[in-house]
Amino acid sequence: MATPPSEYAISRTPHFQELRMASGSDNLQGSFHLLFTQQYAEIDALINVLCEKRDDLVRKIERMEKLVEEGESFCVFHDCGDVGLEFMKESLETDKKLLGALTGLLDVACEGRKEKRRHVSRSE
């Protein structure tokens, strides 16, 4: 078993002391458990927000694809139709890139949540 830290060592660890006070425990394992539990909750909340944003973006892309499809049948016959249709296609491509990036971020966040779940279970 490790020896308890000296007063000098405690004074050199202000962040751990803050964590210890927040956890209400002198037990280092309890402090780690609090930290990992908080991190897990933060990542879980982030995933929920990202999922909502992803779902909104998917719906937006689907609507834009339908607009482009419809627009291709009649926009070419209007003065500003071609330009508007090209802008819609550009916007659609940008939204698809954003969806790809958002999906990648979600993948990373899910990996992080799995990691934090492992940390929480190990610190219990």
C-alpha atoms as a PDB file:
ATOM      1  CA  MET A   1       0.000   0.000   0.000  1.00  0.00           C
ATOM      2  CA  ALA A   2       1.272   3.430  -0.887  1.00  0.00           C
ATOM      3  CA  THR A   3       2.178   5.910   1.792  1.00  0.00           C
ATOM      4  CA  PRO A   4      -0.153   8.895   2.190  1.00  0.00           C
ATOM      5  CA  PRO A   5       1.015  12.055   0.453  1.00  0.00           C
ATOM      6  CA  SER A   6       2.917  14.643   2.425  1.00  0.00           C
ATOM      7  CA  GLU A   7       1.627  18.168   2.927  1.00  0.00           C
ATOM      8  CA  TYR A   8       4.185  19.299   0.354  1.00  0.00           C
ATOM      9  CA  ALA A   9       2.863  16.812  -2.204  1.00  0.00           C
ATOM     10  CA  ILE A  10      -0.726  17.872  -1.530  1.00  0.00           C
ATOM     11  CA  SER A  11       0.142  21.543  -2.025  1.00  0.00           C
ATOM     12  CA  ARG A  12       1.666  20.654  -5.414  1.00  0.00           C
ATOM     13  CA  THR A  13      -1.556  19.035  -6.687  1.00  0.00           C
ATOM     14  CA  PRO A  14      -4.199  21.791  -6.610  1.00  0.00           C
ATOM     15  CA  HIS A  15      -6.255  20.266  -9.428  1.00  0.00           C
ATOM     16  CA  PHE A  16      -6.385  16.873  -7.772  1.00  0.00           C
ATOM     17  CA  GLN A  17      -7.326  18.556  -4.509  1.00  0.00           C
ATOM     18  CA  GLU A  18     -10.176  20.291  -6.280  1.00  0.00           C
ATOM     19  CA  LEU A  19     -11.272  16.959  -7.762  1.00  0.00           C
ATOM     20  CA  ARG A  20     -10.989  15.302  -4.349  1.00  0.00           C
ATOM     21  CA  MET A  21     -13.182  17.997  -2.791  1.00  0.00           C
ATOM     22  CA  ALA A  22     -15.744  17.707  -5.590  1.00  0.00           C
ATOM     23  CA  SER A  23     -15.954  13.959  -5.123  1.00  0.00           C
ATOM     24  CA  GLY A  24     -16.196  14.354  -1.365  1.00  0.00           C
ATOM     25  CA  SER A  25     -13.658  11.616  -0.891  1.00  0.00           C
ATOM     26  CA  ASP A  26     -10.027  11.312   0.077  1.00  0.00           C
ATOM     27  CA  ASN A  27     -10.001   8.116  -1.920  1.00  0.00           C
ATOM     28  CA  LEU A  28      -8.215   8.638  -5.236  1.00  0.00           C
ATOM     29  CA  GLN A  29     -10.319   5.939  -6.863  1.00  0.00           C
ATOM     30  CA  GLY A  30     -13.478   7.837  -5.902  1.00  0.00           C
ATOM     31  CA  SER A  31     -12.038  10.990  -7.422  1.00  0.00           C
ATOM     32  CA  PHE A  32     -11.238   9.199 -10.662  1.00  0.00           C
ATOM     33  CA  HIS A  33     -14.705   7.683 -10.714  1.00  0.00           C
ATOM     34  CA  LEU A  34     -16.283  11.142 -10.450  1.00  0.00           C
ATOM     35  CA  LEU A  35     -14.049  12.491 -13.207  1.00  0.00           C
ATOM     36  CA  PHE A  36     -14.776   9.641 -15.615  1.00  0.00           C
ATOM     37  CA  THR A  37     -18.490   9.683 -14.812  1.00  0.00           C
ATOM     38  CA  GLN A  38     -18.650  13.389 -15.628  1.00  0.00           C
ATOM     39  CA  GLN A  39     -16.701  12.888 -18.845  1.00  0.00           C
ATOM     40  CA  TYR A  40     -19.000  10.038 -19.844  1.00  0.00           C
ATOM     41  CA  ALA A  41     -22.075  12.196 -19.240  1.00  0.00           C
ATOM     42  CA  GLU A  42     -20.602  15.073 -21.261  1.00  0.00           C
ATOM     43  CA  ILE A  43     -19.792  12.830 -24.212  1.00  0.00           C
ATOM     44  CA  ASP A  44     -23.226  11.202 -24.008  1.00  0.00           C
ATOM     45  CA  ALA A  45     -24.905  14.626 -24.118  1.00  0.00           C
ATOM     46  CA  LEU A  46     -22.704  15.627 -27.063  1.00  0.00           C
ATOM     47  CA  ILE A  47     -23.701  12.466 -28.920  1.00  0.00           C
ATOM     48  CA  ASN A  48     -27.382  13.258 -28.372  1.00  0.00           C
ATOM     49  CA  VAL A  49     -26.941  16.771 -29.804  1.00  0.00           C
ATOM     50  CA  LEU A  50     -24.879  15.496 -32.733  1.00  0.00           C
ATOM     51  CA  CYS A  51     -27.498  12.841 -33.528  1.00  0.00           C
ATOM     52  CA  GLU A  52     -30.216  15.495 -33.608  1.00  0.00           C
ATOM     53  CA  LYS A  53     -28.110  17.707 -35.884  1.00  0.00           C
ATOM     54  CA  ARG A  54     -27.305  14.747 -38.136  1.00  0.00           C
ATOM     55  CA  ASP A  55     -30.966  13.778 -38.424  1.00  0.00           C
ATOM     56  CA  ASP A  56     -31.936  17.384 -39.235  1.00  0.00           C
ATOM     57  CA  LEU A  57     -29.227  17.559 -41.882  1.00  0.00           C
ATOM     58  CA  VAL A  58     -30.320  14.257 -43.444  1.00  0.00           C
ATOM     59  CA  ARG A  59     -33.876  15.598 -43.753  1.00  0.00           C
ATOM     60  CA  LYS A  60     -32.571  18.853 -45.232  1.00  0.00           C
ATOM     61  CA  ILE A  61     -30.487  16.956 -47.794  1.00  0.00           C
ATOM     62  CA  GLU A  62     -33.448  14.787 -48.770  1.00  0.00           C
ATOM     63  CA  ARG A  63     -35.616  17.887 -49.308  1.00  0.00           C
ATOM     64  CA  MET A  64     -32.890  19.609 -51.310  1.00  0.00           C
ATOM     65  CA  GLU A  65     -32.418  16.526 -53.505  1.00  0.00           C
ATOM     66  CA  LYS A  66     -36.148  16.570 -54.303  1.00  0.00           C
ATOM     67  CA  LEU A  67     -35.987  20.293 -55.078  1.00  0.00           C
ATOM     68  CA  VAL A  68     -33.039  19.777 -57.412  1.00  0.00           C
ATOM     69  CA  GLU A  69     -34.790  16.882 -59.119  1.00  0.00           C
ATOM     70  CA  GLU A  70     -37.926  18.958 -59.662  1.00  0.00           C
ATOM     71  CA  GLY A  71     -35.933  22.025 -60.623  1.00  0.00           C
ATOM     72  CA  GLU A  72     -34.052  20.218 -63.363  1.00  0.00           C
ATOM     73  CA  SER A  73     -37.318  19.746 -65.216  1.00  0.00           C
ATOM     74  CA  PHE A  74     -38.331  23.415 -65.396  1.00  0.00           C
ATOM     75  CA  CYS A  75     -35.578  25.768 -64.139  1.00  0.00           C
ATOM     76  CA  VAL A  76     -33.739  25.700 -67.468  1.00  0.00           C
ATOM     77  CA  PHE A  77     -36.711  27.470 -69.036  1.00  0.00           C
ATOM     78  CA  HIS A  78     -36.494  30.488 -66.701  1.00  0.00           C
ATOM     79  CA  ASP A  79     -34.070  33.399 -66.763  1.00  0.00           C
ATOM     80  CA  CYS A  80     -32.566  32.844 -63.320  1.00  0.00           C
ATOM     81  CA  GLY A  81     -33.433  29.154 -63.118  1.00  0.00           C
ATOM     82  CA  ASP A  82     -30.055  27.795 -64.224  1.00  0.00           C
ATOM     83  CA  VAL A  83     -28.140  29.899 -61.728  1.00  0.00           C
ATOM     84  CA  GLY A  84     -30.524  29.063 -58.886  1.00  0.00           C
ATOM     85  CA  LEU A  85     -30.353  25.360 -59.735  1.00  0.00           C
ATOM     86  CA  GLU A  86     -26.545  25.428 -59.747  1.00  0.00           C
ATOM     87  CA  PHE A  87     -26.526  27.183 -56.374  1.00  0.00           C
ATOM     88  CA  MET A  88     -28.902  24.562 -54.980  1.00  0.00           C
ATOM     89  CA  LYS A  89     -26.577  21.807 -56.241  1.00  0.00           C
ATOM     90  CA  GLU A  90     -23.574  23.533 -54.653  1.00  0.00           C
ATOM     91  CA  SER A  91     -25.444  23.844 -51.356  1.00  0.00           C
ATOM     92  CA  LEU A  92     -26.436  20.200 -51.559  1.00  0.00           C
ATOM     93  CA  GLU A  93     -22.822  19.118 -52.047  1.00  0.00           C
ATOM     94  CA  THR A  94     -21.698  21.262 -49.113  1.00  0.00           C
ATOM     95  CA  ASP A  95     -24.425  19.785 -46.922  1.00  0.00           C
ATOM     96  CA  LYS A  96     -23.320  16.277 -47.907  1.00  0.00           C
ATOM     97  CA  LYS A  97     -19.735  17.128 -46.910  1.00  0.00           C
ATOM     98  CA  LEU A  98     -21.009  18.481 -43.593  1.00  0.00           C
ATOM     99  CA  LEU A  99     -22.976  15.275 -43.066  1.00  0.00           C
ATOM    100  CA  GLY A 100     -19.830  13.229 -43.690  1.00  0.00           C
ATOM    101  CA  ALA A 101     -17.855  15.320 -41.220  1.00  0.00           C
ATOM    102  CA  LEU A 102     -20.642  15.153 -38.661  1.00  0.00           C
ATOM    103  CA  THR A 103     -20.859  11.390 -39.051  1.00  0.00           C
ATOM    104  CA  GLY A 104     -17.100  11.131 -38.524  1.00  0.00           C
ATOM    105  CA  LEU A 105     -17.342  13.261 -35.397  1.00  0.00           C
ATOM    106  CA  LEU A 106     -20.160  11.066 -34.122  1.00  0.00           C
ATOM    107  CA  ASP A 107     -18.009   7.981 -34.674  1.00  0.00           C
ATOM    108  CA  VAL A 108     -15.186   9.532 -32.641  1.00  0.00           C
ATOM    109  CA  ALA A 109     -17.602  10.582 -29.892  1.00  0.00           C
ATOM    110  CA  CYS A 110     -19.052   7.054 -29.716  1.00  0.00           C
ATOM    111  CA  GLU A 111     -15.547   5.613 -29.397  1.00  0.00           C
ATOM    112  CA  GLY A 112     -14.863   8.127 -26.618  1.00  0.00           C
ATOM    113  CA  ARG A 113     -18.052   7.156 -24.829  1.00  0.00           C
ATOM    114  CA  LYS A 114     -17.072   3.493 -24.985  1.00  0.00           C
ATOM    115  CA  GLU A 115     -13.649   4.400 -23.569  1.00  0.00           C
ATOM    116  CA  LYS A 116     -15.186   6.445 -20.745  1.00  0.00           C
ATOM    117  CA  ARG A 117     -17.608   3.605 -19.955  1.00  0.00           C
ATOM    118  CA  ARG A 118     -14.578   1.334 -19.545  1.00  0.00           C
ATOM    119  CA  HIS A 119     -12.884   3.938 -17.329  1.00  0.00           C
ATOM    120  CA  VAL A 120     -15.987   4.314 -15.178  1.00  0.00           C
ATOM    121  CA  SER A 121     -16.372   0.580 -14.716  1.00  0.00           C
ATOM    122  CA  ARG A 122     -12.700   0.177 -13.823  1.00  0.00           C
ATOM    123  CA  SER A 123     -12.865   2.970 -11.246  1.00  0.00           C
ATOM    124  CA  GLU A 124     -15.956   1.608  -9.483  1.00  0.00           C
END
